[in-house]
Amino acid sequence: MTKYFHLGLPIFREPEKSLWSPQKLQRAVIVIVAAFAVVALVLYFYFYRILWPLVVYLYFGFAGVAIVASIFLFYAAVIYPLLATLYYRTTYILRAIL
């Protein structure tokens, strides 16, 4: 432990003993990327007949969900407030007249 003095008060600080040096981090990243590539290649060659249709179905499925969600958000943000405003103004006018 290293002892530092600042304004007369002792400050204790552990020397840096990092478990991860830059070289270890670089090796770990390379191993993770290589393992991911090997798994992806094995999956690709093993599930070749079903993998591509699965990717296509998932892509268009997510695209369809995004389109439906955007329609609902447009309704919630634009159409509903307009309809609510028209309703309240119409009922206000009708109550004032009747």
C-alpha atoms as a PDB file:
ATOM      1  CA  MET A   1       0.000   0.000   0.000  1.00  0.00           C
ATOM      2  CA  THR A   2       1.298   3.421  -0.916  1.00  0.00           C
ATOM      3  CA  LYS A   3       0.905   6.276   1.515  1.00  0.00           C
ATOM      4  CA  TYR A   4       0.284   9.796   0.233  1.00  0.00           C
ATOM      5  CA  PHE A   5       0.074  12.984   2.246  1.00  0.00           C
ATOM      6  CA  HIS A   6      -2.228  15.754   1.179  1.00  0.00           C
ATOM      7  CA  LEU A   7      -2.741  18.788   3.408  1.00  0.00           C
ATOM      8  CA  GLY A   8      -1.285  16.862   6.311  1.00  0.00           C
ATOM      9  CA  LEU A   9      -3.838  14.040   6.074  1.00  0.00           C
ATOM     10  CA  PRO A  10      -2.706  10.559   5.096  1.00  0.00           C
ATOM     11  CA  ILE A  11      -4.408   9.178   2.000  1.00  0.00           C
ATOM     12  CA  PHE A  12      -3.999   5.486   1.351  1.00  0.00           C
ATOM     13  CA  ARG A  13      -4.203   4.180  -2.170  1.00  0.00           C
ATOM     14  CA  GLU A  14      -3.773   0.684  -3.530  1.00  0.00           C
ATOM     15  CA  PRO A  15      -1.227   0.403  -6.315  1.00  0.00           C
ATOM     16  CA  GLU A  16      -2.873  -0.431  -9.607  1.00  0.00           C
ATOM     17  CA  LYS A  17      -3.075  -4.187  -9.994  1.00  0.00           C
ATOM     18  CA  SER A  18      -5.422  -4.546 -12.901  1.00  0.00           C
ATOM     19  CA  LEU A  19      -6.409  -8.044 -13.928  1.00  0.00           C
ATOM     20  CA  TRP A  20      -6.876  -6.869 -17.516  1.00  0.00           C
ATOM     21  CA  SER A  21      -3.908  -5.462 -19.323  1.00  0.00           C
ATOM     22  CA  PRO A  22      -4.417  -4.104 -22.860  1.00  0.00           C
ATOM     23  CA  GLN A  23      -2.783  -7.219 -24.309  1.00  0.00           C
ATOM     24  CA  LYS A  24      -5.115  -9.502 -22.352  1.00  0.00           C
ATOM     25  CA  LEU A  25      -8.127  -7.481 -23.467  1.00  0.00           C
ATOM     26  CA  GLN A  26      -7.004  -7.659 -27.086  1.00  0.00           C
ATOM     27  CA  ARG A  27      -6.534 -11.429 -26.846  1.00  0.00           C
ATOM     28  CA  ALA A  28      -9.932 -11.835 -25.189  1.00  0.00           C
ATOM     29  CA  VAL A  29     -11.653  -9.829 -27.927  1.00  0.00           C
ATOM     30  CA  ILE A  30      -9.910 -11.845 -30.644  1.00  0.00           C
ATOM     31  CA  VAL A  31     -10.961 -15.119 -28.986  1.00  0.00           C
ATOM     32  CA  ILE A  32     -14.573 -13.950 -28.620  1.00  0.00           C
ATOM     33  CA  VAL A  33     -14.770 -12.803 -32.257  1.00  0.00           C
ATOM     34  CA  ALA A  34     -13.179 -16.034 -33.494  1.00  0.00           C
ATOM     35  CA  ALA A  35     -15.566 -18.149 -31.413  1.00  0.00           C
ATOM     36  CA  PHE A  36     -18.525 -16.178 -32.728  1.00  0.00           C
ATOM     37  CA  ALA A  37     -17.318 -16.635 -36.311  1.00  0.00           C
ATOM     38  CA  VAL A  38     -16.872 -20.391 -35.813  1.00  0.00           C
ATOM     39  CA  VAL A  39     -20.338 -20.727 -34.278  1.00  0.00           C
ATOM     40  CA  ALA A  40     -21.853 -18.656 -37.100  1.00  0.00           C
ATOM     41  CA  LEU A  41     -20.159 -20.795 -39.762  1.00  0.00           C
ATOM     42  CA  VAL A  42     -21.224 -24.047 -38.088  1.00  0.00           C
ATOM     43  CA  LEU A  43     -24.797 -22.805 -37.825  1.00  0.00           C
ATOM     44  CA  TYR A  44     -24.719 -21.627 -41.414  1.00  0.00           C
ATOM     45  CA  PHE A  45     -23.541 -24.930 -42.840  1.00  0.00           C
ATOM     46  CA  TYR A  46     -25.581 -27.097 -40.477  1.00  0.00           C
ATOM     47  CA  PHE A  47     -28.864 -25.221 -40.840  1.00  0.00           C
ATOM     48  CA  TYR A  48     -28.348 -24.020 -44.424  1.00  0.00           C
ATOM     49  CA  ARG A  49     -31.830 -25.004 -45.619  1.00  0.00           C
ATOM     50  CA  ILE A  50     -33.690 -23.297 -42.794  1.00  0.00           C
ATOM     51  CA  LEU A  51     -31.321 -20.496 -41.818  1.00  0.00           C
ATOM     52  CA  TRP A  52     -31.888 -18.191 -44.797  1.00  0.00           C
ATOM     53  CA  PRO A  53     -35.708 -18.447 -44.721  1.00  0.00           C
ATOM     54  CA  LEU A  54     -35.558 -17.890 -40.968  1.00  0.00           C
ATOM     55  CA  VAL A  55     -33.500 -14.726 -41.455  1.00  0.00           C
ATOM     56  CA  VAL A  56     -35.902 -13.513 -44.157  1.00  0.00           C
ATOM     57  CA  TYR A  57     -38.993 -14.234 -42.040  1.00  0.00           C
ATOM     58  CA  LEU A  58     -37.488 -12.529 -39.010  1.00  0.00           C
ATOM     59  CA  TYR A  59     -36.445  -9.485 -41.045  1.00  0.00           C
ATOM     60  CA  PHE A  60     -39.850  -9.000 -42.631  1.00  0.00           C
ATOM     61  CA  GLY A  61     -41.569  -9.863 -39.365  1.00  0.00           C
ATOM     62  CA  PHE A  62     -39.706  -7.118 -37.535  1.00  0.00           C
ATOM     63  CA  ALA A  63     -40.322  -4.737 -40.443  1.00  0.00           C
ATOM     64  CA  GLY A  64     -44.048  -5.499 -40.304  1.00  0.00           C
ATOM     65  CA  VAL A  65     -44.164  -4.974 -36.549  1.00  0.00           C
ATOM     66  CA  ALA A  66     -42.327  -1.662 -36.976  1.00  0.00           C
ATOM     67  CA  ILE A  67     -44.838  -0.501 -39.602  1.00  0.00           C
ATOM     68  CA  VAL A  68     -47.815  -1.424 -37.414  1.00  0.00           C
ATOM     69  CA  ALA A  69     -46.194   0.282 -34.415  1.00  0.00           C
ATOM     70  CA  SER A  70     -45.575   3.441 -36.446  1.00  0.00           C
ATOM     71  CA  ILE A  71     -49.237   3.497 -37.511  1.00  0.00           C
ATOM     72  CA  PHE A  72     -50.362   3.166 -33.883  1.00  0.00           C
ATOM     73  CA  LEU A  73     -47.933   5.875 -32.794  1.00  0.00           C
ATOM     74  CA  PHE A  74     -49.149   8.206 -35.548  1.00  0.00           C
ATOM     75  CA  TYR A  75     -52.726   7.581 -34.410  1.00  0.00           C
ATOM     76  CA  ALA A  76     -51.805   8.208 -30.766  1.00  0.00           C
ATOM     77  CA  ALA A  77     -49.751  11.338 -31.465  1.00  0.00           C
ATOM     78  CA  VAL A  78     -51.741  13.018 -34.261  1.00  0.00           C
ATOM     79  CA  ILE A  79     -55.150  11.546 -35.014  1.00  0.00           C
ATOM     80  CA  TYR A  80     -56.438  10.988 -31.464  1.00  0.00           C
ATOM     81  CA  PRO A  81     -55.646  14.528 -30.208  1.00  0.00           C
ATOM     82  CA  LEU A  82     -57.333  15.990 -33.297  1.00  0.00           C
ATOM     83  CA  LEU A  83     -60.438  13.870 -32.789  1.00  0.00           C
ATOM     84  CA  ALA A  84     -60.511  14.672 -29.071  1.00  0.00           C
ATOM     85  CA  THR A  85     -60.206  18.393 -29.774  1.00  0.00           C
ATOM     86  CA  LEU A  86     -62.986  18.252 -32.365  1.00  0.00           C
ATOM     87  CA  TYR A  87     -65.197  16.299 -29.956  1.00  0.00           C
ATOM     88  CA  TYR A  88     -64.697  18.689 -27.042  1.00  0.00           C
ATOM     89  CA  ARG A  89     -65.162  21.805 -29.194  1.00  0.00           C
ATOM     90  CA  THR A  90     -68.283  20.345 -30.797  1.00  0.00           C
ATOM     91  CA  THR A  91     -69.820  19.369 -27.465  1.00  0.00           C
ATOM     92  CA  TYR A  92     -68.880  22.768 -26.008  1.00  0.00           C
ATOM     93  CA  ILE A  93     -70.648  24.549 -28.883  1.00  0.00           C
ATOM     94  CA  LEU A  94     -73.662  22.250 -28.634  1.00  0.00           C
ATOM     95  CA  ARG A  95     -73.908  22.802 -24.870  1.00  0.00           C
ATOM     96  CA  ALA A  96     -73.688  26.555 -25.388  1.00  0.00           C
ATOM     97  CA  ILE A  97     -76.432  26.461 -28.019  1.00  0.00           C
ATOM     98  CA  LEU A  98     -78.778  24.054 -26.263  1.00  0.00           C
END
